[in-house]
Protein backbone atom coordinates (compact mmCIF):
# COMPACT_ATOMS: atom_id res chain seq x y z
CA MET A 1 0.13 0.09 0.11
CA ALA A 2 2.52 1.92 0.01
CA GLY A 3 2.67 3.14 -3.83
CA ALA A 4 -1.00 3.65 -3.59
CA ALA A 5 -0.44 6.11 -0.44
CA ALA A 6 2.40 7.64 -2.22
CA ARG A 7 0.16 8.23 -5.58
CA SER A 8 -3.27 8.99 -2.88
CA ALA A 9 -0.35 12.18 -1.48
CA HIS A 10 0.59 13.01 -4.89
CA ASP A 11 -2.37 13.63 -5.95
CA ARG A 12 -3.15 16.30 -3.51
CA GLY A 13 -0.83 17.94 -3.30
CA VAL A 14 -0.10 18.74 -7.05
CA ALA A 15 -4.10 19.77 -6.31
CA ASN A 16 -3.87 21.59 -3.33
CA ALA A 17 -0.80 24.02 -4.51
CA GLU A 18 -2.48 24.38 -8.13
CA PHE A 19 -5.39 25.64 -6.04
CA PHE A 20 -3.62 28.21 -3.45
CA SER A 21 -1.58 29.34 -5.85
CA GLY A 22 -4.65 30.32 -8.09
CA CYS A 23 -6.80 32.52 -4.81
CA ALA A 24 -4.07 33.23 -2.92
CA GLU A 25 -5.11 37.16 -3.70
CA ARG A 26 -8.53 36.57 -3.97
CA LEU A 27 -8.64 34.92 -0.49
CA ALA A 28 -6.52 37.42 0.95
CA ARG A 29 -9.08 40.37 0.15
CA LEU A 30 -11.88 38.38 1.11
CA CYS A 31 -10.19 38.82 4.69
CA ASP A 32 -10.19 41.67 4.32
CA GLU A 33 -13.87 42.28 3.52
CA MET A 34 -15.29 39.72 6.14
CA ALA A 35 -12.89 42.26 8.74
CA VAL A 36 -14.91 44.63 7.62
CA ARG A 37 -18.45 43.39 7.72
CA PHE A 38 -17.60 41.39 11.41
CA LEU A 39 -16.72 45.01 12.29
CA ALA A 40 -20.43 46.42 11.37
CA GLY A 41 -22.16 43.15 13.45
CA GLY A 42 -22.66 40.43 10.24
CA ARG A 43 -22.45 37.41 11.26
CA LEU A 44 -21.25 34.51 9.04
CA LEU A 45 -23.47 31.43 7.69
CA ALA A 46 -22.60 28.46 6.10
CA LEU A 47 -25.30 26.62 4.87
CA GLY A 48 -24.62 22.76 4.93
CA GLU A 49 -27.94 20.29 3.96
CA SER A 50 -25.56 17.13 2.91
CA GLY A 51 -24.54 15.30 5.37
CA ALA A 52 -20.59 16.02 4.24
CA ALA A 53 -22.32 19.49 3.75
CA ARG A 54 -23.18 19.70 7.31
CA SER A 55 -19.66 18.77 8.54
CA ASP A 56 -18.26 21.54 6.49
CA ALA A 57 -20.62 23.88 8.45
CA HIS A 58 -20.72 23.20 12.15
CA HIS A 59 -16.48 22.92 11.41
CA VAL A 60 -16.98 26.70 10.55
CA ALA A 61 -19.55 27.93 12.82
CA VAL A 62 -17.16 25.99 16.17
CA GLU A 63 -13.91 27.43 14.69
CA PHE A 64 -14.94 31.40 13.86
CA VAL A 65 -17.54 31.23 17.40
CA HIS A 66 -13.91 29.16 19.75
CA PRO A 67 -11.02 29.90 18.20
CA VAL A 68 -7.70 27.29 18.94
CA ILE A 69 -5.84 31.03 18.25
CA VAL A 70 -4.77 32.74 21.83
CA GLY A 71 -5.62 35.88 21.88
CA LYS A 72 -8.56 36.00 19.83
CA ARG A 73 -11.81 36.68 19.59
CA ALA A 74 -15.04 34.90 19.40
CA LEU A 75 -16.86 36.23 15.74
CA PRO A 76 -20.16 35.35 15.37
CA ALA A 77 -20.60 32.01 12.95
CA LEU A 78 -23.56 30.37 12.49
CA ALA A 79 -24.97 26.54 10.95
CA VAL A 80 -27.59 26.43 8.98
CA GLU A 81 -29.94 24.54 7.07
CA ASP A 82 -32.62 27.47 5.93
CA LEU A 83 -30.86 30.95 4.93
CA ALA A 84 -33.93 32.68 4.32
CA ALA A 85 -34.87 32.36 7.89
CA GLU A 86 -31.96 33.80 8.94
CA ALA A 87 -30.06 36.01 6.05
CA GLU A 88 -29.46 39.77 7.28
CA PRO A 89 -27.64 42.23 4.42
CA GLY A 90 -24.74 42.32 6.31
CA ASP A 91 -23.70 38.75 7.08
CA ILE A 92 -21.14 37.00 4.90
CA VAL A 93 -22.50 33.48 3.58
CA ILE A 94 -20.49 30.49 2.70
CA ALA A 95 -22.96 27.89 1.35
CA PHE A 96 -22.07 24.38 0.79
CA ASP A 97 -24.55 22.49 -1.07
CA GLY A 98 -28.84 23.70 -0.92
CA ASP A 99 -30.13 27.54 -3.09
CA ALA A 100 -27.83 30.37 -1.57
CA SER A 101 -29.96 32.84 -3.46
CA VAL A 102 -31.74 34.15 -1.60
CA ALA A 103 -28.25 35.50 0.32
CA ARG A 104 -27.08 37.15 -2.45
CA GLY A 105 -30.63 38.79 -3.19
CA ARG A 106 -30.39 40.10 0.78
CA GLY A 107 -26.89 42.19 0.04
CA CYS A 108 -24.59 38.88 2.15
CA LEU A 109 -21.55 38.86 1.09
CA MET A 110 -20.89 35.36 -0.86
CA ILE A 111 -17.72 33.18 0.21
CA GLU A 112 -18.41 31.82 -3.84
CA GLY A 113 -16.31 30.50 -6.40
CA PHE A 114 -13.40 28.93 -4.78
CA GLU A 115 -13.04 25.32 -7.72
CA PRO A 116 -10.99 22.76 -6.45
CA PRO A 117 -9.40 21.64 -9.06
CA SER A 118 -9.76 17.57 -8.54
CA ASP A 119 -12.76 15.77 -9.36
CA ASP A 120 -12.22 13.89 -5.80
CA PRO A 121 -15.10 14.72 -4.08
CA PHE A 122 -12.76 13.71 -0.82
CA ILE A 123 -10.02 16.14 -1.97
CA ARG A 124 -12.10 19.09 -3.39
CA GLN A 125 -13.86 19.11 0.25
CA GLU A 126 -9.74 18.56 2.39
CA LEU A 127 -9.16 21.70 0.26
CA THR A 128 -12.40 23.48 0.72
CA GLU A 129 -11.56 23.33 5.23
CA THR A 130 -8.02 24.63 3.49
CA LEU A 131 -10.06 27.41 2.84
CA TYR A 132 -12.09 28.14 5.54
CA HIS A 133 -9.32 27.29 8.08
CA VAL A 134 -7.08 29.78 6.34
CA LEU A 135 -10.28 32.31 6.79
CA TRP A 136 -10.90 32.11 9.62
CA GLU A 137 -7.10 32.57 10.87
CA LEU A 138 -6.37 35.79 9.12
CA VAL A 139 -9.15 37.55 9.00
CA HIS A 140 -8.26 38.51 12.55
CA VAL A 141 -5.90 40.21 10.84
CA PHE A 142 -7.98 42.37 9.02
CA ILE A 143 -9.84 42.99 11.80
CA GLU A 144 -6.77 44.28 13.79
CA HIS A 145 -5.47 46.33 10.95
CA ARG A 146 -8.50 48.85 10.05
CA GLU A 147 -9.27 48.86 14.43
CA ARG A 148 -5.42 50.48 15.03
CA ARG A 149 -6.78 52.35 11.54
CA GLY A 150 -9.43 53.74 13.32
CA HIS A 151 -12.33 51.50 10.59
CA ASP A 152 -15.18 53.04 11.06
CA ALA A 153 -17.34 49.70 12.68
CA GLY A 154 -20.39 51.22 12.16
CA ALA A 155 -24.17 49.94 9.45
CA SER A 156 -22.79 51.39 6.18
CA SER A 157 -19.38 50.43 6.74
CA PHE A 158 -19.17 47.40 5.06
CA LEU A 159 -20.64 49.05 1.86
CA TYR A 160 -17.28 51.99 0.98
CA PRO A 161 -14.66 48.79 2.67
CA PHE A 162 -11.28 51.46 1.66
CA LEU A 163 -13.51 54.20 3.60
CA GLY A 164 -10.49 56.10 5.43
CA GLU A 165 -7.64 53.24 4.79
CA SER A 166 -4.59 54.86 3.06
CA ALA A 167 -4.90 52.32 -0.12
CA GLN A 168 -0.73 51.42 0.84
CA SER A 169 -0.99 50.72 3.92
CA LEU A 170 -3.90 47.77 3.54
CA GLU A 171 -2.00 46.69 0.43
CA SER A 172 1.37 46.02 2.33
CA VAL A 173 -1.38 43.77 4.05
CA VAL A 174 -2.95 42.16 1.62
CA GLU A 175 0.53 41.40 0.37
CA ASP A 176 1.51 39.75 3.30
CA VAL A 177 -1.86 37.85 4.07
CA ARG A 178 -1.19 36.49 0.91
CA ARG A 179 1.67 35.22 1.20
CA SER A 180 0.89 33.61 4.59
CA ILE A 181 -1.62 31.54 2.42
CA LEU A 182 0.43 30.37 0.45
CA ALA A 183 2.83 28.86 3.20
CA LYS A 184 -0.23 27.30 4.99
CA ALA A 185 -0.64 25.57 1.70
CA GLU A 186 2.93 24.44 1.62
CA GLU A 187 2.41 23.32 5.26
CA ILE A 188 -0.01 21.62 4.60
CA GLY A 189 0.71 19.82 1.65
CA ALA A 190 3.38 18.87 3.09
CA LEU A 191 2.06 17.41 6.71
CA ARG A 192 -1.45 15.26 4.09
CA GLU A 193 2.17 13.93 2.20
CA GLN A 194 3.83 12.78 5.54
CA THR A 195 0.94 11.53 7.17
CA LEU A 196 -0.31 9.33 3.97
CA THR A 197 2.82 8.14 3.76
CA GLU A 198 4.48 7.94 7.34
CA ASN A 199 1.00 6.07 8.11
CA ALA A 200 0.47 3.63 5.62
CA SER A 201 1.12 0.09 6.80
CA VAL A 202 -1.83 0.96 9.65
CA LEU A 203 -4.05 2.89 7.00
CA ASP A 204 -3.86 0.10 5.04
CA ALA A 205 -4.20 -2.65 8.74
CA ALA A 206 -7.32 0.05 9.84
CA SER A 207 -8.61 -0.51 6.57
CA ALA A 208 -8.80 -4.46 6.74
CA SER A 209 -9.94 -3.49 10.58
CA LEU A 210 -13.05 -1.50 9.15
CA ARG A 211 -13.65 -4.42 6.45
CA GLY A 212 -14.15 -6.67 8.89
CA ALA A 213 -16.08 -4.54 11.06
CA GLY A 214 -20.00 -4.10 12.08
CA ARG A 215 -21.22 -1.07 12.69
CA VAL A 216 -18.62 1.86 13.03
CA LEU A 217 -19.00 4.57 16.08
CA ALA A 218 -16.93 7.70 15.28
CA LEU A 219 -16.25 10.76 18.08
CA GLY A 220 -14.31 13.40 18.80
CA ASN A 221 -14.38 17.14 20.57
CA GLY A 222 -15.09 20.86 18.53
CA GLY A 223 -13.70 20.73 15.39
CA SER A 224 -12.71 16.72 15.32
CA ALA A 225 -16.89 16.19 16.35
CA THR A 226 -17.70 17.84 12.51
CA ASP A 227 -14.68 14.55 11.52
CA ALA A 228 -16.11 12.53 13.26
CA MET A 229 -20.21 13.75 11.99
CA ASP A 230 -17.71 13.42 8.30
CA VAL A 231 -16.80 10.18 8.68
CA VAL A 232 -20.13 8.77 9.41
CA ALA A 233 -21.89 10.83 7.05
CA ASP A 234 -19.46 8.99 4.84
CA LEU A 235 -19.65 5.39 5.51
CA ARG A 236 -23.42 5.81 5.33
CA ALA A 237 -22.86 7.10 1.36
CA ARG A 238 -21.56 3.94 0.88
CA GLY A 239 -24.14 1.37 2.45
CA ARG A 240 -22.24 1.38 5.41
CA ARG A 241 -23.57 1.30 9.48
CA ALA A 242 -22.14 4.35 11.63
CA LEU A 243 -23.26 5.62 14.39
CA ASP A 244 -22.01 9.62 14.99
CA LEU A 245 -21.40 9.48 18.88
CA THR A 246 -21.31 13.57 18.94
CA ALA A 247 -24.49 13.91 16.66
CA ASP A 248 -27.43 14.00 20.12
CA PRO A 249 -27.19 17.36 22.45
CA ALA A 250 -29.55 16.57 24.64
CA VAL A 251 -27.20 12.92 25.71
CA LEU A 252 -24.13 14.50 25.68
CA THR A 253 -25.24 17.56 27.66
CA ALA A 254 -26.87 14.77 30.00
CA ILE A 255 -24.32 12.78 30.63
CA ALA A 256 -22.41 15.93 31.19
CA ASN A 257 -24.34 17.36 33.88
CA ASP A 258 -24.94 14.46 35.55
CA ILE A 259 -21.34 12.54 35.64
CA GLY A 260 -19.11 15.32 34.10
CA VAL A 261 -17.72 15.80 30.47
CA GLU A 262 -15.30 13.12 30.64
CA ALA A 263 -17.84 10.19 30.26
CA ILE A 264 -19.40 11.39 27.92
CA PHE A 265 -18.28 9.19 25.15
CA ALA A 266 -17.93 6.26 27.07
CA ARG A 267 -21.58 6.24 28.06
CA GLN A 268 -22.19 6.37 24.31
CA VAL A 269 -20.23 3.43 23.82
CA ILE A 270 -21.37 0.62 26.68
CA ALA A 271 -24.50 1.68 24.92
CA HIS A 272 -24.39 1.04 21.90
CA GLY A 273 -20.39 -0.75 21.03
CA ARG A 274 -21.08 -4.38 20.66
CA GLU A 275 -17.81 -6.52 20.01
CA ASP A 276 -17.81 -6.67 15.64
CA ASP A 277 -17.93 -3.14 15.88
CA ALA A 278 -15.27 -0.15 15.55
CA LEU A 279 -14.14 2.62 16.78
CA ILE A 280 -12.65 6.00 15.39
CA THR A 281 -11.88 8.13 17.55
CA ILE A 282 -10.29 12.53 16.49
CA SER A 283 -7.97 13.66 18.67
CA THR A 284 -5.72 16.17 17.64
CA SER A 285 -3.83 15.88 20.87
CA GLY A 286 -4.26 12.27 21.24
CA ASN A 287 -4.65 13.23 25.45
CA SER A 288 -8.45 14.29 25.47
CA ASP A 289 -9.82 13.02 28.65
CA ASN A 290 -13.54 11.96 27.09
CA VAL A 291 -11.82 10.30 23.59
CA ILE A 292 -9.23 8.00 25.96
CA ALA A 293 -12.25 7.24 28.26
CA ALA A 294 -14.13 6.01 24.32
CA LEU A 295 -11.17 3.40 24.08
CA ASN A 296 -10.74 1.71 27.52
CA GLU A 297 -14.51 0.41 27.59
CA ALA A 298 -13.89 -0.25 23.90
CA ARG A 299 -11.04 -2.23 24.48
CA ARG A 300 -13.01 -3.42 26.81
CA ARG A 301 -15.93 -4.20 24.89
CA ARG A 302 -13.37 -5.29 22.49
CA MET A 303 -14.15 -3.49 20.00
CA VAL A 304 -11.67 -2.50 16.69
CA SER A 305 -10.16 1.09 17.59
CA ILE A 306 -8.84 3.55 15.47
CA ALA A 307 -7.15 6.76 16.64
CA LEU A 308 -6.18 9.80 14.86
CA VAL A 309 -4.24 11.96 16.72
CA GLY A 310 -2.10 14.98 16.71
CA TYR A 311 1.25 16.30 18.20
CA GLY A 312 3.42 13.35 19.45
CA GLY A 313 0.29 11.09 19.49
CA GLY A 314 0.52 11.29 23.29
CA ARG A 315 -1.31 9.43 25.88
CA ILE A 316 -3.22 7.28 23.15
CA LEU A 317 0.02 6.04 21.31
CA SER A 318 2.25 6.43 24.25
CA GLU A 319 -0.17 4.32 25.78
CA GLY A 320 -0.81 2.01 23.47
CA LEU A 321 -4.74 2.59 23.91
CA ALA A 322 -5.88 2.12 20.33
CA ASP A 323 -6.06 -1.02 17.95
CA HIS A 324 -4.49 1.91 15.25
CA VAL A 325 -3.01 4.22 15.96
CA ILE A 326 -2.54 7.31 13.00
CA VAL A 327 -0.50 10.21 13.74
CA THR A 328 -0.01 13.66 12.19
CA ARG A 329 2.76 15.45 12.94
CA SER A 330 1.88 18.24 13.69
CA GLU A 331 1.23 21.27 16.65
CA HIS A 332 -0.48 23.24 14.24
CA ILE A 333 -4.76 22.69 15.28
CA PRO A 334 -5.68 23.53 11.14
CA ARG A 335 -2.98 21.69 9.46
CA ILE A 336 -3.83 18.46 12.02
CA GLN A 337 -7.40 18.27 10.93
CA GLU A 338 -6.68 18.92 7.44
CA ALA A 339 -4.40 16.01 6.83
CA GLN A 340 -6.67 14.50 9.88
CA ALA A 341 -9.36 14.72 7.02
CA SER A 342 -6.96 12.98 4.20
CA ALA A 343 -6.27 10.24 6.32
CA TYR A 344 -9.97 8.80 7.17
CA HIS A 345 -11.08 9.69 3.47
CA VAL A 346 -8.14 7.03 2.89
CA LEU A 347 -10.03 4.83 5.23
CA VAL A 348 -13.73 5.11 3.77
CA GLU A 349 -12.80 4.54 0.86
CA ARG A 350 -10.92 1.62 1.27
CA SER A 351 -12.96 -0.36 4.53
């Protein structure tokens, strides 16, 4: 499978380089337009109707509302399935599927026209995830720049994005951000290659385990929860039985309130896990207590366990808490999540 992993990494690398080299400046300017809207009180609405699209919409919402960049503000973002009920003129809209025409008609800023250069739906989704991560990371640059320049954040400011700005100073920021986008694209290209090639044998063994499993249970926290949503949607689209343990807020909040956050997944493994099932856990740190508790419960129930982890693998790798551990060697959370998406897409394809 080493050759297949190398080809998969190569295809993703070529598409990644072509995509971001072609749209880096547009993305930088879009970040500035988004900053103007946010400063004027606008929100980011992410539309997703199908299973995979809903996972992306929720991923956008959690990243903007709960930024992992230390010191950055929470920005208003919502995952929606009905734009007509929510869209307002000053909002920003990214539609992963569905009809966004109502938002366009209301004067929303549309994030559109970015077409990944691949026919592979998994690669297209992975590049789109990097795109919205880049927007989330770099919109803060323009927010802070405009605040330092005394930008008017009044109700009409989004109509005049260059009002009160020096064109030269804004252009220098745009150029810095454009270069940053290219650097981030290069970073994720290398990280996807590392994840798929260094873990080739693990991915092969994990895929074989999935093929022999009954139902697949998946889980994660925050952005990794939306990745669990995506795994389940992808498996169901291929006729596999799969259960998203992050999906039911009533169950999650009941367990968290009555027992504690550490038990929110393990309790569900107790309820639903069977000996011939598989558990997929996604964690950027490899140290999340509730993920570890779920893995321990899965082992007690003789379930197959697959863990996708970042950094150096954390406790999950060092203590051998999963049967198959796929390590993405980075400490940058957005890039880890993007490379993990490539890894679980490969798992889905092969299983």
